[in-house]
Amino acid sequence: MIYFDFNKQAYGYAIKEPLCTVSEEIWQVFCCCTLGKEYDITSSGIVDLREAATYKQLQAQQEQNTRILGIKQELCVLDTKCLRAIREPAVKDESTGETWLDFRLKEVQKLREELRLLEKSRKE
């Protein structure tokens, strides 16, 4: 058994007046999670917060922030590629006449639109 005191500290041995006790199997599920975000400890035992709406909202927000950072990094890389395409003009597709610069600018435009939508939804 795993024993928790009122400070939510886990012990592998019996303590006086524990807040709660849980089996080692249950504790194994939660020991790698983050206390206060993914689970909490109450007098009735361990409460899984991962199914709560606030947790899911926080996760979605973190994923959105990660994507925003990723887009900004991709835009920096594309800026360099656009500069190269300006300095060394070349046709990417002979059949359409599309240049590398045109191709890169379309990529930038798509990423900027995605970034605009993500940042707009983050403010709402």
Protein backbone atom coordinates (compact mmCIF):
# COMPACT_ATOMS: atom_id res chain seq x y z
CA MET A 1 0.00 0.00 0.00
CA ILE A 2 1.00 3.61 -0.60
CA TYR A 3 0.11 6.13 2.10
CA PHE A 4 -0.38 9.85 1.57
CA ASP A 5 -0.12 12.52 4.24
CA PHE A 6 -2.07 15.79 4.21
CA ASN A 7 0.75 17.44 2.21
CA LYS A 8 0.09 14.81 -0.51
CA GLN A 9 3.49 13.21 0.06
CA ALA A 10 3.61 9.49 -0.80
CA TYR A 11 5.08 6.90 1.56
CA GLY A 12 5.76 3.23 0.96
CA TYR A 13 5.17 2.45 4.64
CA ALA A 14 2.33 3.01 7.06
CA ILE A 15 2.05 6.50 8.53
CA LYS A 16 -0.08 7.85 11.32
CA GLU A 17 -3.42 9.35 10.14
CA PRO A 18 -2.92 9.19 6.37
CA LEU A 19 -5.02 11.35 4.06
CA CYS A 20 -5.65 8.25 1.96
CA THR A 21 -4.13 4.94 0.93
CA VAL A 22 -3.97 3.39 -2.53
CA SER A 23 -2.69 0.13 -3.90
CA GLU A 24 0.73 -0.01 -5.49
CA GLU A 25 -0.90 -0.89 -8.84
CA ILE A 26 -2.96 2.31 -8.80
CA TRP A 27 0.06 4.34 -7.71
CA GLN A 28 2.11 2.95 -10.64
CA VAL A 29 -0.44 4.45 -13.05
CA PHE A 30 -0.06 7.93 -11.53
CA CYS A 31 3.53 8.09 -10.25
CA CYS A 32 4.81 9.45 -13.58
CA CYS A 33 1.99 12.02 -13.92
CA THR A 34 2.08 15.59 -12.67
CA LEU A 35 0.41 16.19 -9.30
CA GLY A 36 -2.13 18.97 -9.52
CA LYS A 37 -2.42 18.82 -13.31
CA GLU A 38 -3.01 15.20 -14.25
CA TYR A 39 -4.14 13.86 -10.90
CA ASP A 40 -4.95 14.98 -7.39
CA ILE A 41 -5.03 13.23 -4.05
CA THR A 42 -8.12 13.49 -1.90
CA SER A 43 -9.38 11.66 1.14
CA SER A 44 -11.14 9.21 -1.20
CA GLY A 45 -7.92 8.40 -3.07
CA ILE A 46 -6.34 9.45 -6.33
CA VAL A 47 -8.55 11.47 -8.66
CA ASP A 48 -7.69 11.37 -12.37
CA LEU A 49 -7.95 14.91 -13.76
CA ARG A 50 -7.03 13.96 -17.32
CA GLU A 51 -10.67 13.53 -18.31
CA ALA A 52 -11.70 16.90 -16.86
CA ALA A 53 -12.66 19.69 -19.26
CA THR A 54 -10.09 22.08 -17.77
CA TYR A 55 -7.29 19.56 -18.31
CA LYS A 56 -8.33 18.95 -21.91
CA GLN A 57 -8.55 22.69 -22.51
CA LEU A 58 -5.08 23.19 -21.06
CA GLN A 59 -3.68 20.39 -23.22
CA ALA A 60 -5.29 21.87 -26.34
CA GLN A 61 -3.85 25.27 -25.46
CA GLN A 62 -0.37 23.79 -25.00
CA GLU A 63 -0.62 21.97 -28.35
CA GLN A 64 -1.74 25.21 -29.98
CA ASN A 65 1.19 27.11 -28.47
CA THR A 66 3.57 24.40 -29.66
CA ARG A 67 2.16 24.64 -33.19
CA ILE A 68 2.47 28.44 -33.14
CA LEU A 69 6.16 28.14 -32.20
CA GLY A 70 6.63 25.52 -34.91
CA ILE A 71 5.06 27.77 -37.54
CA LYS A 72 7.30 30.66 -36.50
CA GLN A 73 10.36 28.43 -36.84
CA GLU A 74 9.19 27.21 -40.25
CA LEU A 75 8.70 30.83 -41.34
CA CYS A 76 12.28 31.67 -40.35
CA VAL A 77 13.56 28.77 -42.45
CA LEU A 78 11.37 29.83 -45.36
CA ASP A 79 12.69 33.40 -45.09
CA THR A 80 16.18 32.06 -45.75
CA LYS A 81 14.92 29.95 -48.64
CA CYS A 82 13.13 32.98 -50.13
CA LEU A 83 16.34 35.01 -49.96
CA ARG A 84 18.17 32.25 -51.77
CA ALA A 85 15.41 32.09 -54.39
CA ILE A 86 15.77 35.85 -54.96
CA ARG A 87 19.57 35.67 -55.24
CA GLU A 88 19.54 32.54 -57.40
CA PRO A 89 16.38 32.71 -59.51
CA ALA A 90 15.41 29.36 -60.98
CA VAL A 91 12.31 27.71 -62.36
CA LYS A 92 10.96 24.99 -60.10
CA ASP A 93 8.42 23.55 -62.54
CA GLU A 94 9.12 23.91 -66.27
CA SER A 95 5.54 22.98 -67.25
CA THR A 96 3.93 25.77 -65.20
CA GLY A 97 6.82 28.22 -65.15
CA GLU A 98 6.59 28.44 -61.35
CA THR A 99 9.79 29.71 -59.77
CA TRP A 100 11.22 28.64 -56.45
CA LEU A 101 10.38 32.07 -55.09
CA ASP A 102 6.72 31.71 -56.08
CA PHE A 103 6.62 28.26 -54.51
CA ARG A 104 8.20 29.45 -51.24
CA LEU A 105 5.91 32.49 -51.04
CA LYS A 106 2.87 30.21 -51.34
CA GLU A 107 4.22 28.15 -48.44
CA VAL A 108 4.73 31.33 -46.40
CA GLN A 109 1.21 32.49 -47.20
CA LYS A 110 -0.30 29.18 -46.02
CA LEU A 111 1.71 29.25 -42.79
CA ARG A 112 0.88 32.89 -42.08
CA GLU A 113 -2.83 32.15 -42.54
CA GLU A 114 -2.63 29.18 -40.17
CA LEU A 115 -0.70 31.31 -37.67
CA ARG A 116 -3.29 34.11 -37.92
CA LEU A 117 -6.13 31.65 -37.23
CA LEU A 118 -4.32 30.05 -34.30
CA GLU A 119 -3.47 33.37 -32.70
CA LYS A 120 -7.02 34.62 -33.24
CA SER A 121 -8.52 31.52 -31.57
CA ARG A 122 -6.05 31.84 -28.70
CA LYS A 123 -7.29 35.37 -27.93
CA GLU A 124 -10.93 34.27 -27.86
